[in-house]
Amino acid sequence: MECLDELIADLGGADAGTRSKGPCGLLLEHLQAARRDLLGSMPGEYALSLRQAVESASCISDKNARIGIRTRIRSLIASEVPKRPPPAGDRSGYVLPLPVPVAPAV
């Protein structure tokens, strides 16, 4: 989370939830969405927001800065995306709940 916050701050979007009117507004929106998705435990949405941020980094005119930002975002994708649960066939360590009867309507 700290790396994501630093990245947002470095791009001038430290105030989460505000939209930047600069040339990199879309990039900041994707990074802020990724932050919300991470906090909300939505790994699929988090990964999507980061992939969209990589694509949106084209707004950075300085080639070296653009490469650096994309590298930082890709490292977030590689390191912080929560691991997926094991396939359905591998149930070791998982206890499946019993069905709960539905209460009658009142």
PDB file of N, CA and C in Angstrom:
ATOM      1  N   MET A   1       0.833  -1.191   0.000  1.00  0.00           N
ATOM      2  CA  MET A   1       0.000   0.000   0.000  1.00  0.00           C
ATOM      3  C   MET A   1       0.873   1.248   0.000  1.00  0.00           C
ATOM      4  N   GLU A   2       1.955   1.204   0.752  1.00  0.00           N
ATOM      5  CA  GLU A   2       2.817   2.373   0.870  1.00  0.00           C
ATOM      6  C   GLU A   2       3.387   2.781  -0.483  1.00  0.00           C
ATOM      7  N   CYS A   3       3.806   1.801  -1.296  1.00  0.00           N
ATOM      8  CA  CYS A   3       4.356   2.109  -2.623  1.00  0.00           C
ATOM      9  C   CYS A   3       3.297   2.754  -3.507  1.00  0.00           C
ATOM     10  N   LEU A   4       2.084   2.288  -3.419  1.00  0.00           N
ATOM     11  CA  LEU A   4       0.991   2.855  -4.210  1.00  0.00           C
ATOM     12  C   LEU A   4       0.715   4.285  -3.770  1.00  0.00           C
ATOM     13  N   ASP A   5       0.692   4.523  -2.469  1.00  0.00           N
ATOM     14  CA  ASP A   5       0.478   5.881  -1.955  1.00  0.00           C
ATOM     15  C   ASP A   5       1.597   6.821  -2.408  1.00  0.00           C
ATOM     16  N   GLU A   6       2.838   6.331  -2.377  1.00  0.00           N
ATOM     17  CA  GLU A   6       3.972   7.151  -2.813  1.00  0.00           C
ATOM     18  C   GLU A   6       3.864   7.478  -4.293  1.00  0.00           C
ATOM     19  N   LEU A   7       3.451   6.506  -5.082  1.00  0.00           N
ATOM     20  CA  LEU A   7       3.295   6.713  -6.518  1.00  0.00           C
ATOM     21  C   LEU A   7       2.235   7.773  -6.801  1.00  0.00           C
ATOM     22  N   ILE A   8       1.115   7.683  -6.093  1.00  0.00           N
ATOM     23  CA  ILE A   8       0.042   8.674  -6.256  1.00  0.00           C
ATOM     24  C   ILE A   8       0.547  10.062  -5.852  1.00  0.00           C
ATOM     25  N   ALA A   9       1.257  10.142  -4.744  1.00  0.00           N
ATOM     26  CA  ALA A   9       1.782  11.428  -4.278  1.00  0.00           C
ATOM     27  C   ALA A   9       2.817  11.983  -5.255  1.00  0.00           C
ATOM     28  N   ASP A  10       3.669  11.118  -5.803  1.00  0.00           N
ATOM     29  CA  ASP A  10       4.688  11.568  -6.749  1.00  0.00           C
ATOM     30  C   ASP A  10       4.072  12.162  -8.011  1.00  0.00           C
ATOM     31  N   LEU A  11       2.885  11.684  -8.366  1.00  0.00           N
ATOM     32  CA  LEU A  11       2.208  12.187  -9.561  1.00  0.00           C
ATOM     33  C   LEU A  11       1.321  13.390  -9.255  1.00  0.00           C
ATOM     34  N   GLY A  12       1.323  13.820  -7.997  1.00  0.00           N
ATOM     35  CA  GLY A  12       0.573  15.016  -7.635  1.00  0.00           C
ATOM     36  C   GLY A  12      -0.862  14.769  -7.253  1.00  0.00           C
ATOM     37  N   GLY A  13      -1.207  13.535  -6.939  1.00  0.00           N
ATOM     38  CA  GLY A  13      -2.582  13.218  -6.579  1.00  0.00           C
ATOM     39  C   GLY A  13      -2.704  12.701  -5.173  1.00  0.00           C
ATOM     40  N   ALA A  14      -2.091  13.365  -4.222  1.00  0.00           N
ATOM     41  CA  ALA A  14      -2.099  12.900  -2.840  1.00  0.00           C
ATOM     42  C   ALA A  14      -3.488  12.899  -2.225  1.00  0.00           C
ATOM     43  N   ASP A  15      -4.367  13.749  -2.706  1.00  0.00           N
ATOM     44  CA  ASP A  15      -5.725  13.792  -2.161  1.00  0.00           C
ATOM     45  C   ASP A  15      -6.573  12.755  -2.873  1.00  0.00           C
ATOM     46  N   ALA A  16      -6.681  11.573  -2.268  1.00  0.00           N
ATOM     47  CA  ALA A  16      -7.473  10.503  -2.877  1.00  0.00           C
ATOM     48  C   ALA A  16      -8.914  10.956  -3.013  1.00  0.00           C
ATOM     49  N   GLY A  17      -9.486  10.664  -4.155  1.00  0.00           N
ATOM     50  CA  GLY A  17     -10.875  11.029  -4.378  1.00  0.00           C
ATOM     51  C   GLY A  17     -11.044  12.301  -5.178  1.00  0.00           C
ATOM     52  N   THR A  18      -9.984  13.086  -5.332  1.00  0.00           N
ATOM     53  CA  THR A  18     -10.096  14.285  -6.148  1.00  0.00           C
ATOM     54  C   THR A  18      -9.574  13.978  -7.540  1.00  0.00           C
ATOM     55  N   ARG A  19     -10.151  14.598  -8.520  1.00  0.00           N
ATOM     56  CA  ARG A  19      -9.738  14.358  -9.898  1.00  0.00           C
ATOM     57  C   ARG A  19      -8.733  15.425 -10.315  1.00  0.00           C
ATOM     58  N   SER A  20      -7.681  14.961 -10.920  1.00  0.00           N
ATOM     59  CA  SER A  20      -6.667  15.876 -11.410  1.00  0.00           C
ATOM     60  C   SER A  20      -7.069  16.392 -12.781  1.00  0.00           C
ATOM     61  N   LYS A  21      -6.871  17.676 -12.997  1.00  0.00           N
ATOM     62  CA  LYS A  21      -7.193  18.252 -14.295  1.00  0.00           C
ATOM     63  C   LYS A  21      -5.967  18.301 -15.189  1.00  0.00           C
ATOM     64  N   GLY A  22      -4.834  17.808 -14.682  1.00  0.00           N
ATOM     65  CA  GLY A  22      -3.603  17.821 -15.462  1.00  0.00           C
ATOM     66  C   GLY A  22      -3.618  16.757 -16.543  1.00  0.00           C
ATOM     67  N   PRO A  23      -2.522  16.679 -17.290  1.00  0.00           N
ATOM     68  CA  PRO A  23      -2.449  15.725 -18.392  1.00  0.00           C
ATOM     69  C   PRO A  23      -2.474  14.266 -17.938  1.00  0.00           C
ATOM     70  N   CYS A  24      -2.169  14.021 -16.691  1.00  0.00           N
ATOM     71  CA  CYS A  24      -2.145  12.646 -16.188  1.00  0.00           C
ATOM     72  C   CYS A  24      -3.320  12.340 -15.270  1.00  0.00           C
ATOM     73  N   GLY A  25      -4.418  13.038 -15.459  1.00  0.00           N
ATOM     74  CA  GLY A  25      -5.596  12.838 -14.620  1.00  0.00           C
ATOM     75  C   GLY A  25      -6.121  11.419 -14.671  1.00  0.00           C
ATOM     76  N   LEU A  26      -6.152  10.829 -15.865  1.00  0.00           N
ATOM     77  CA  LEU A  26      -6.659   9.464 -15.998  1.00  0.00           C
ATOM     78  C   LEU A  26      -5.743   8.480 -15.288  1.00  0.00           C
ATOM     79  N   LEU A  27      -4.435   8.684 -15.405  1.00  0.00           N
ATOM     80  CA  LEU A  27      -3.469   7.822 -14.709  1.00  0.00           C
ATOM     81  C   LEU A  27      -3.707   7.888 -13.206  1.00  0.00           C
ATOM     82  N   LEU A  28      -3.869   9.084 -12.683  1.00  0.00           N
ATOM     83  CA  LEU A  28      -4.125   9.235 -11.246  1.00  0.00           C
ATOM     84  C   LEU A  28      -5.445   8.585 -10.841  1.00  0.00           C
ATOM     85  N   GLU A  29      -6.459   8.714 -11.667  1.00  0.00           N
ATOM     86  CA  GLU A  29      -7.747   8.085 -11.350  1.00  0.00           C
ATOM     87  C   GLU A  29      -7.606   6.566 -11.279  1.00  0.00           C
ATOM     88  N   HIS A  30      -6.841   5.972 -12.198  1.00  0.00           N
ATOM     89  CA  HIS A  30      -6.636   4.523 -12.167  1.00  0.00           C
ATOM     90  C   HIS A  30      -5.860   4.105 -10.917  1.00  0.00           C
ATOM     91  N   LEU A  31      -4.859   4.891 -10.535  1.00  0.00           N
ATOM     92  CA  LEU A  31      -4.082   4.562  -9.335  1.00  0.00           C
ATOM     93  C   LEU A  31      -4.922   4.720  -8.069  1.00  0.00           C
ATOM     94  N   GLN A  32      -5.752   5.757  -8.017  1.00  0.00           N
ATOM     95  CA  GLN A  32      -6.618   5.946  -6.856  1.00  0.00           C
ATOM     96  C   GLN A  32      -7.675   4.848  -6.796  1.00  0.00           C
ATOM     97  N   ALA A  33      -8.159   4.415  -7.958  1.00  0.00           N
ATOM     98  CA  ALA A  33      -9.104   3.286  -7.987  1.00  0.00           C
ATOM     99  C   ALA A  33      -8.420   2.015  -7.497  1.00  0.00           C
ATOM    100  N   ALA A  34      -7.170   1.812  -7.894  1.00  0.00           N
ATOM    101  CA  ALA A  34      -6.423   0.638  -7.428  1.00  0.00           C
ATOM    102  C   ALA A  34      -6.284   0.665  -5.910  1.00  0.00           C
ATOM    103  N   ARG A  35      -6.042   1.842  -5.360  1.00  0.00           N
ATOM    104  CA  ARG A  35      -5.917   1.975  -3.901  1.00  0.00           C
ATOM    105  C   ARG A  35      -7.228   1.596  -3.211  1.00  0.00           C
ATOM    106  N   ARG A  36      -8.345   2.103  -3.741  1.00  0.00           N
ATOM    107  CA  ARG A  36      -9.654   1.752  -3.168  1.00  0.00           C
ATOM    108  C   ARG A  36      -9.920   0.250  -3.295  1.00  0.00           C
ATOM    109  N   ASP A  37      -9.565  -0.319  -4.451  1.00  0.00           N
ATOM    110  CA  ASP A  37      -9.784  -1.746  -4.662  1.00  0.00           C
ATOM    111  C   ASP A  37      -8.947  -2.583  -3.707  1.00  0.00           C
ATOM    112  N   LEU A  38      -7.720  -2.155  -3.462  1.00  0.00           N
ATOM    113  CA  LEU A  38      -6.857  -2.878  -2.530  1.00  0.00           C
ATOM    114  C   LEU A  38      -7.426  -2.802  -1.121  1.00  0.00           C
ATOM    115  N   LEU A  39      -7.867  -1.612  -0.715  1.00  0.00           N
ATOM    116  CA  LEU A  39      -8.454  -1.455   0.615  1.00  0.00           C
ATOM    117  C   LEU A  39      -9.757  -2.237   0.749  1.00  0.00           C
ATOM    118  N   GLY A  40     -10.473  -2.376  -0.353  1.00  0.00           N
ATOM    119  CA  GLY A  40     -11.744  -3.090  -0.352  1.00  0.00           C
ATOM    120  C   GLY A  40     -11.611  -4.582  -0.600  1.00  0.00           C
ATOM    121  N   SER A  41     -10.386  -5.083  -0.613  1.00  0.00           N
ATOM    122  CA  SER A  41     -10.120  -6.517  -0.826  1.00  0.00           C
ATOM    123  C   SER A  41     -10.757  -7.021  -2.119  1.00  0.00           C
ATOM    124  N   MET A  42     -10.546  -6.276  -3.192  1.00  0.00           N
ATOM    125  CA  MET A  42     -11.054  -6.674  -4.501  1.00  0.00           C
ATOM    126  C   MET A  42      -9.858  -6.884  -5.431  1.00  0.00           C
ATOM    127  N   PRO A  43      -9.215  -8.060  -5.342  1.00  0.00           N
ATOM    128  CA  PRO A  43      -7.969  -8.286  -6.078  1.00  0.00           C
ATOM    129  C   PRO A  43      -8.114  -8.206  -7.590  1.00  0.00           C
ATOM    130  N   GLY A  44      -9.224  -8.665  -8.138  1.00  0.00           N
ATOM    131  CA  GLY A  44      -9.408  -8.603  -9.582  1.00  0.00           C
ATOM    132  C   GLY A  44      -9.486  -7.173 -10.076  1.00  0.00           C
ATOM    133  N   GLU A  45     -10.258  -6.363  -9.366  1.00  0.00           N
ATOM    134  CA  GLU A  45     -10.411  -4.962  -9.729  1.00  0.00           C
ATOM    135  C   GLU A  45      -9.113  -4.198  -9.520  1.00  0.00           C
ATOM    136  N   TYR A  46      -8.389  -4.557  -8.457  1.00  0.00           N
ATOM    137  CA  TYR A  46      -7.091  -3.944  -8.169  1.00  0.00           C
ATOM    138  C   TYR A  46      -6.126  -4.177  -9.330  1.00  0.00           C
ATOM    139  N   ALA A  47      -6.028  -5.429  -9.764  1.00  0.00           N
ATOM    140  CA  ALA A  47      -5.129  -5.755 -10.864  1.00  0.00           C
ATOM    141  C   ALA A  47      -5.548  -5.037 -12.149  1.00  0.00           C
ATOM    142  N   LEU A  48      -6.843  -4.980 -12.411  1.00  0.00           N
ATOM    143  CA  LEU A  48      -7.341  -4.283 -13.602  1.00  0.00           C
ATOM    144  C   LEU A  48      -6.996  -2.800 -13.548  1.00  0.00           C
ATOM    145  N   SER A  49      -7.208  -2.168 -12.416  1.00  0.00           N
ATOM    146  CA  SER A  49      -6.898  -0.741 -12.278  1.00  0.00           C
ATOM    147  C   SER A  49      -5.414  -0.481 -12.505  1.00  0.00           C
ATOM    148  N   LEU A  50      -4.567  -1.373 -12.010  1.00  0.00           N
ATOM    149  CA  LEU A  50      -3.133  -1.196 -12.217  1.00  0.00           C
ATOM    150  C   LEU A  50      -2.756  -1.397 -13.679  1.00  0.00           C
ATOM    151  N   ARG A  51      -3.357  -2.372 -14.340  1.00  0.00           N
ATOM    152  CA  ARG A  51      -3.081  -2.570 -15.772  1.00  0.00           C
ATOM    153  C   ARG A  51      -3.528  -1.341 -16.570  1.00  0.00           C
ATOM    154  N   GLN A  52      -4.674  -0.781 -16.209  1.00  0.00           N
ATOM    155  CA  GLN A  52      -5.149   0.433 -16.887  1.00  0.00           C
ATOM    156  C   GLN A  52      -4.211   1.608 -16.612  1.00  0.00           C
ATOM    157  N   ALA A  53      -3.637   1.642 -15.406  1.00  0.00           N
ATOM    158  CA  ALA A  53      -2.689   2.705 -15.073  1.00  0.00           C
ATOM    159  C   ALA A  53      -1.427   2.587 -15.927  1.00  0.00           C
ATOM    160  N   VAL A  54      -0.964   1.368 -16.162  1.00  0.00           N
ATOM    161  CA  VAL A  54       0.216   1.173 -17.017  1.00  0.00           C
ATOM    162  C   VAL A  54      -0.059   1.743 -18.407  1.00  0.00           C
ATOM    163  N   GLU A  55      -1.236   1.455 -18.933  1.00  0.00           N
ATOM    164  CA  GLU A  55      -1.602   1.966 -20.262  1.00  0.00           C
ATOM    165  C   GLU A  55      -1.730   3.490 -20.251  1.00  0.00           C
ATOM    166  N   SER A  56      -2.246   4.035 -19.177  1.00  0.00           N
ATOM    167  CA  SER A  56      -2.473   5.482 -19.081  1.00  0.00           C
ATOM    168  C   SER A  56      -1.191   6.270 -18.854  1.00  0.00           C
ATOM    169  N   ALA A  57      -0.110   5.581 -18.537  1.00  0.00           N
ATOM    170  CA  ALA A  57       1.155   6.269 -18.269  1.00  0.00           C
ATOM    171  C   ALA A  57       1.716   6.942 -19.520  1.00  0.00           C
ATOM    172  N   SER A  58       1.100   6.719 -20.661  1.00  0.00           N
ATOM    173  CA  SER A  58       1.562   7.372 -21.889  1.00  0.00           C
ATOM    174  C   SER A  58       1.414   8.892 -21.810  1.00  0.00           C
ATOM    175  N   CYS A  59       0.668   9.383 -20.823  1.00  0.00           N
ATOM    176  CA  CYS A  59       0.506  10.830 -20.648  1.00  0.00           C
ATOM    177  C   CYS A  59       1.799  11.502 -20.193  1.00  0.00           C
ATOM    178  N   ILE A  60       2.740  10.726 -19.702  1.00  0.00           N
ATOM    179  CA  ILE A  60       3.996  11.285 -19.207  1.00  0.00           C
ATOM    180  C   ILE A  60       4.920  11.506 -20.398  1.00  0.00           C
ATOM    181  N   SER A  61       5.228  12.757 -20.674  1.00  0.00           N
ATOM    182  CA  SER A  61       5.988  13.086 -21.877  1.00  0.00           C
ATOM    183  C   SER A  61       7.462  12.683 -21.780  1.00  0.00           C
ATOM    184  N   ASP A  62       8.047  12.767 -20.599  1.00  0.00           N
ATOM    185  CA  ASP A  62       9.452  12.386 -20.422  1.00  0.00           C
ATOM    186  C   ASP A  62       9.575  10.860 -20.471  1.00  0.00           C
ATOM    187  N   LYS A  63      10.326  10.385 -21.457  1.00  0.00           N
ATOM    188  CA  LYS A  63      10.424   8.938 -21.686  1.00  0.00           C
ATOM    189  C   LYS A  63      10.968   8.193 -20.462  1.00  0.00           C
ATOM    190  N   ASN A  64      12.029   8.705 -19.844  1.00  0.00           N
ATOM    191  CA  ASN A  64      12.619   8.032 -18.687  1.00  0.00           C
ATOM    192  C   ASN A  64      11.645   8.001 -17.509  1.00  0.00           C
ATOM    193  N   ALA A  65      10.943   9.105 -17.286  1.00  0.00           N
ATOM    194  CA  ALA A  65       9.956   9.142 -16.196  1.00  0.00           C
ATOM    195  C   ALA A  65       8.815   8.170 -16.474  1.00  0.00           C
ATOM    196  N   ARG A  66       8.368   8.123 -17.737  1.00  0.00           N
ATOM    197  CA  ARG A  66       7.285   7.212 -18.117  1.00  0.00           C
ATOM    198  C   ARG A  66       7.698   5.759 -17.886  1.00  0.00           C
ATOM    199  N   ILE A  67       8.910   5.416 -18.288  1.00  0.00           N
ATOM    200  CA  ILE A  67       9.405   4.049 -18.083  1.00  0.00           C
ATOM    201  C   ILE A  67       9.492   3.748 -16.590  1.00  0.00           C
ATOM    202  N   GLY A  68       9.962   4.721 -15.812  1.00  0.00           N
ATOM    203  CA  GLY A  68      10.079   4.523 -14.366  1.00  0.00           C
ATOM    204  C   GLY A  68       8.729   4.298 -13.697  1.00  0.00           C
ATOM    205  N   ILE A  69       7.738   5.084 -14.091  1.00  0.00           N
ATOM    206  CA  ILE A  69       6.390   4.939 -13.521  1.00  0.00           C
ATOM    207  C   ILE A  69       5.811   3.582 -13.898  1.00  0.00           C
ATOM    208  N   ARG A  70       5.950   3.216 -15.169  1.00  0.00           N
ATOM    209  CA  ARG A  70       5.425   1.917 -15.604  1.00  0.00           C
ATOM    210  C   ARG A  70       6.111   0.771 -14.883  1.00  0.00           C
ATOM    211  N   THR A  71       7.408   0.886 -14.653  1.00  0.00           N
ATOM    212  CA  THR A  71       8.141  -0.150 -13.919  1.00  0.00           C
ATOM    213  C   THR A  71       7.623  -0.259 -12.494  1.00  0.00           C
ATOM    214  N   ARG A  72       7.388   0.876 -11.849  1.00  0.00           N
ATOM    215  CA  ARG A  72       6.868   0.856 -10.481  1.00  0.00           C
ATOM    216  C   ARG A  72       5.472   0.239 -10.423  1.00  0.00           C
ATOM    217  N   ILE A  73       4.628   0.570 -11.393  1.00  0.00           N
ATOM    218  CA  ILE A  73       3.272   0.012 -11.402  1.00  0.00           C
ATOM    219  C   ILE A  73       3.328  -1.490 -11.652  1.00  0.00           C
ATOM    220  N   ARG A  74       4.176  -1.909 -12.587  1.00  0.00           N
ATOM    221  CA  ARG A  74       4.300  -3.351 -12.871  1.00  0.00           C
ATOM    222  C   ARG A  74       4.825  -4.112 -11.665  1.00  0.00           C
ATOM    223  N   SER A  75       5.694  -3.487 -10.879  1.00  0.00           N
ATOM    224  CA  SER A  75       6.175  -4.168  -9.668  1.00  0.00           C
ATOM    225  C   SER A  75       5.041  -4.315  -8.657  1.00  0.00           C
ATOM    226  N   LEU A  76       4.116  -3.347  -8.625  1.00  0.00           N
ATOM    227  CA  LEU A  76       2.940  -3.481  -7.756  1.00  0.00           C
ATOM    228  C   LEU A  76       2.066  -4.644  -8.226  1.00  0.00           C
ATOM    229  N   ILE A  77       1.909  -4.756  -9.537  1.00  0.00           N
ATOM    230  CA  ILE A  77       1.104  -5.850 -10.078  1.00  0.00           C
ATOM    231  C   ILE A  77       1.719  -7.184  -9.686  1.00  0.00           C
ATOM    232  N   ALA A  78       3.032  -7.288  -9.814  1.00  0.00           N
ATOM    233  CA  ALA A  78       3.719  -8.550  -9.535  1.00  0.00           C
ATOM    234  C   ALA A  78       3.770  -8.897  -8.051  1.00  0.00           C
ATOM    235  N   SER A  79       3.889  -7.887  -7.193  1.00  0.00           N
ATOM    236  CA  SER A  79       4.129  -8.187  -5.784  1.00  0.00           C
ATOM    237  C   SER A  79       2.921  -8.099  -4.873  1.00  0.00           C
ATOM    238  N   GLU A  80       1.962  -7.262  -5.185  1.00  0.00           N
ATOM    239  CA  GLU A  80       0.892  -7.018  -4.228  1.00  0.00           C
ATOM    240  C   GLU A  80      -0.447  -7.614  -4.596  1.00  0.00           C
ATOM    241  N   VAL A  81      -0.582  -8.183  -5.765  1.00  0.00           N
ATOM    242  CA  VAL A  81      -1.857  -8.787  -6.112  1.00  0.00           C
ATOM    243  C   VAL A  81      -2.020 -10.033  -5.260  1.00  0.00           C
ATOM    244  N   PRO A  82      -3.060 -10.097  -4.435  1.00  0.00           N
ATOM    245  CA  PRO A  82      -3.257 -11.265  -3.590  1.00  0.00           C
ATOM    246  C   PRO A  82      -3.345 -12.540  -4.420  1.00  0.00           C
ATOM    247  N   LYS A  83      -2.810 -13.605  -3.850  1.00  0.00           N
ATOM    248  CA  LYS A  83      -2.809 -14.884  -4.545  1.00  0.00           C
ATOM    249  C   LYS A  83      -4.222 -15.424  -4.654  1.00  0.00           C
ATOM    250  N   ARG A  84      -4.494 -16.077  -5.756  1.00  0.00           N
ATOM    251  CA  ARG A  84      -5.815 -16.662  -5.976  1.00  0.00           C
ATOM    252  C   ARG A  84      -5.967 -17.912  -5.119  1.00  0.00           C
ATOM    253  N   PRO A  85      -7.201 -18.261  -4.734  1.00  0.00           N
ATOM    254  CA  PRO A  85      -7.415 -19.488  -3.969  1.00  0.00           C
ATOM    255  C   PRO A  85      -7.093 -20.697  -4.840  1.00  0.00           C
ATOM    256  N   PRO A  86      -6.801 -21.846  -4.214  1.00  0.00           N
ATOM    257  CA  PRO A  86      -6.468 -23.041  -4.992  1.00  0.00           C
ATOM    258  C   PRO A  86      -7.664 -23.470  -5.844  1.00  0.00           C
ATOM    259  N   PRO A  87      -7.399 -24.250  -6.909  1.00  0.00           N
ATOM    260  CA  PRO A  87      -8.487 -24.726  -7.756  1.00  0.00           C
ATOM    261  C   PRO A  87      -9.514 -25.518  -6.964  1.00  0.00           C
ATOM    262  N   ALA A  88     -10.722 -25.636  -7.504  1.00  0.00           N
ATOM    263  CA  ALA A  88     -11.829 -26.298  -6.813  1.00  0.00           C
ATOM    264  C   ALA A  88     -11.487 -27.736  -6.416  1.00  0.00           C
ATOM    265  N   GLY A  89     -10.655 -28.419  -7.188  1.00  0.00           N
ATOM    266  CA  GLY A  89     -10.301 -29.803  -6.878  1.00  0.00           C
ATOM    267  C   GLY A  89      -9.409 -29.934  -5.658  1.00  0.00           C
ATOM    268  N   ASP A  90      -8.693 -28.898  -5.295  1.00  0.00           N
ATOM    269  CA  ASP A  90      -7.774 -28.931  -4.153  1.00  0.00           C
ATOM    270  C   ASP A  90      -8.455 -28.277  -2.960  1.00  0.00           C
ATOM    271  N   ARG A  91      -9.027 -29.072  -2.110  1.00  0.00           N
ATOM    272  CA  ARG A  91      -9.768 -28.547  -0.958  1.00  0.00           C
ATOM    273  C   ARG A  91      -9.005 -28.741   0.354  1.00  0.00           C
ATOM    274  N   SER A  92      -7.742 -29.067   0.283  1.00  0.00           N
ATOM    275  CA  SER A  92      -6.979 -29.269   1.505  1.00  0.00           C
ATOM    276  C   SER A  92      -6.918 -27.978   2.305  1.00  0.00           C
ATOM    277  N   GLY A  93      -7.284 -28.064   3.541  1.00  0.00           N
ATOM    278  CA  GLY A  93      -7.240 -26.909   4.417  1.00  0.00           C
ATOM    279  C   GLY A  93      -8.491 -26.055   4.387  1.00  0.00           C
ATOM    280  N   TYR A  94      -9.437 -26.365   3.533  1.00  0.00           N
ATOM    281  CA  TYR A  94     -10.660 -25.588   3.444  1.00  0.00           C
ATOM    282  C   TYR A  94     -11.824 -26.408   3.960  1.00  0.00           C
ATOM    283  N   VAL A  95     -12.647 -25.798   4.786  1.00  0.00           N
ATOM    284  CA  VAL A  95     -13.844 -26.452   5.292  1.00  0.00           C
ATOM    285  C   VAL A  95     -15.034 -25.789   4.621  1.00  0.00           C
ATOM    286  N   LEU A  96     -15.827 -26.578   3.955  1.00  0.00           N
ATOM    287  CA  LEU A  96     -17.000 -26.025   3.291  1.00  0.00           C
ATOM    288  C   LEU A  96     -18.149 -25.931   4.283  1.00  0.00           C
ATOM    289  N   PRO A  97     -18.850 -24.812   4.321  1.00  0.00           N
ATOM    290  CA  PRO A  97     -19.955 -24.661   5.270  1.00  0.00           C
ATOM    291  C   PRO A  97     -21.144 -25.543   4.860  1.00  0.00           C
ATOM    292  N   LEU A  98     -21.901 -25.928   5.868  1.00  0.00           N
ATOM    293  CA  LEU A  98     -23.126 -26.688   5.600  1.00  0.00           C
ATOM    294  C   LEU A  98     -24.179 -25.712   5.102  1.00  0.00           C
ATOM    295  N   PRO A  99     -25.105 -26.198   4.277  1.00  0.00           N
ATOM    296  CA  PRO A  99     -26.183 -25.303   3.839  1.00  0.00           C
ATOM    297  C   PRO A  99     -26.994 -24.808   5.030  1.00  0.00           C
ATOM    298  N   VAL A 100     -27.347 -23.556   5.005  1.00  0.00           N
ATOM    299  CA  VAL A 100     -28.155 -22.965   6.083  1.00  0.00           C
ATOM    300  C   VAL A 100     -29.573 -22.833   5.572  1.00  0.00           C
ATOM    301  N   PRO A 101     -30.561 -23.385   6.325  1.00  0.00           N
ATOM    302  CA  PRO A 101     -31.939 -23.273   5.848  1.00  0.00           C
ATOM    303  C   PRO A 101     -32.396 -21.813   5.869  1.00  0.00           C
ATOM    304  N   VAL A 102     -33.226 -21.480   4.902  1.00  0.00           N
ATOM    305  CA  VAL A 102     -33.754 -20.127   4.817  1.00  0.00           C
ATOM    306  C   VAL A 102     -34.913 -19.985   5.799  1.00  0.00           C
ATOM    307  N   ALA A 103     -34.894 -18.899   6.554  1.00  0.00           N
ATOM    308  CA  ALA A 103     -35.966 -18.663   7.523  1.00  0.00           C
ATOM    309  C   ALA A 103     -37.244 -18.287   6.771  1.00  0.00           C
ATOM    310  N   PRO A 104     -38.390 -18.717   7.299  1.00  0.00           N
ATOM    311  CA  PRO A 104     -39.649 -18.359   6.631  1.00  0.00           C
ATOM    312  C   PRO A 104     -39.881 -16.850   6.695  1.00  0.00           C
ATOM    313  N   ALA A 105     -40.545 -16.326   5.676  1.00  0.00           N
ATOM    314  CA  ALA A 105     -40.857 -14.901   5.634  1.00  0.00           C
ATOM    315  C   ALA A 105     -41.886 -14.566   6.695  1.00  0.00           C
ATOM    316  N   VAL A 106     -41.729 -13.433   7.296  1.00  0.00           N
ATOM    317  CA  VAL A 106     -42.654 -13.021   8.349  1.00  0.00           C
ATOM    318  C   VAL A 106     -43.709 -12.112   7.803  1.00  0.00           C
TER     319      VAL A 106
END
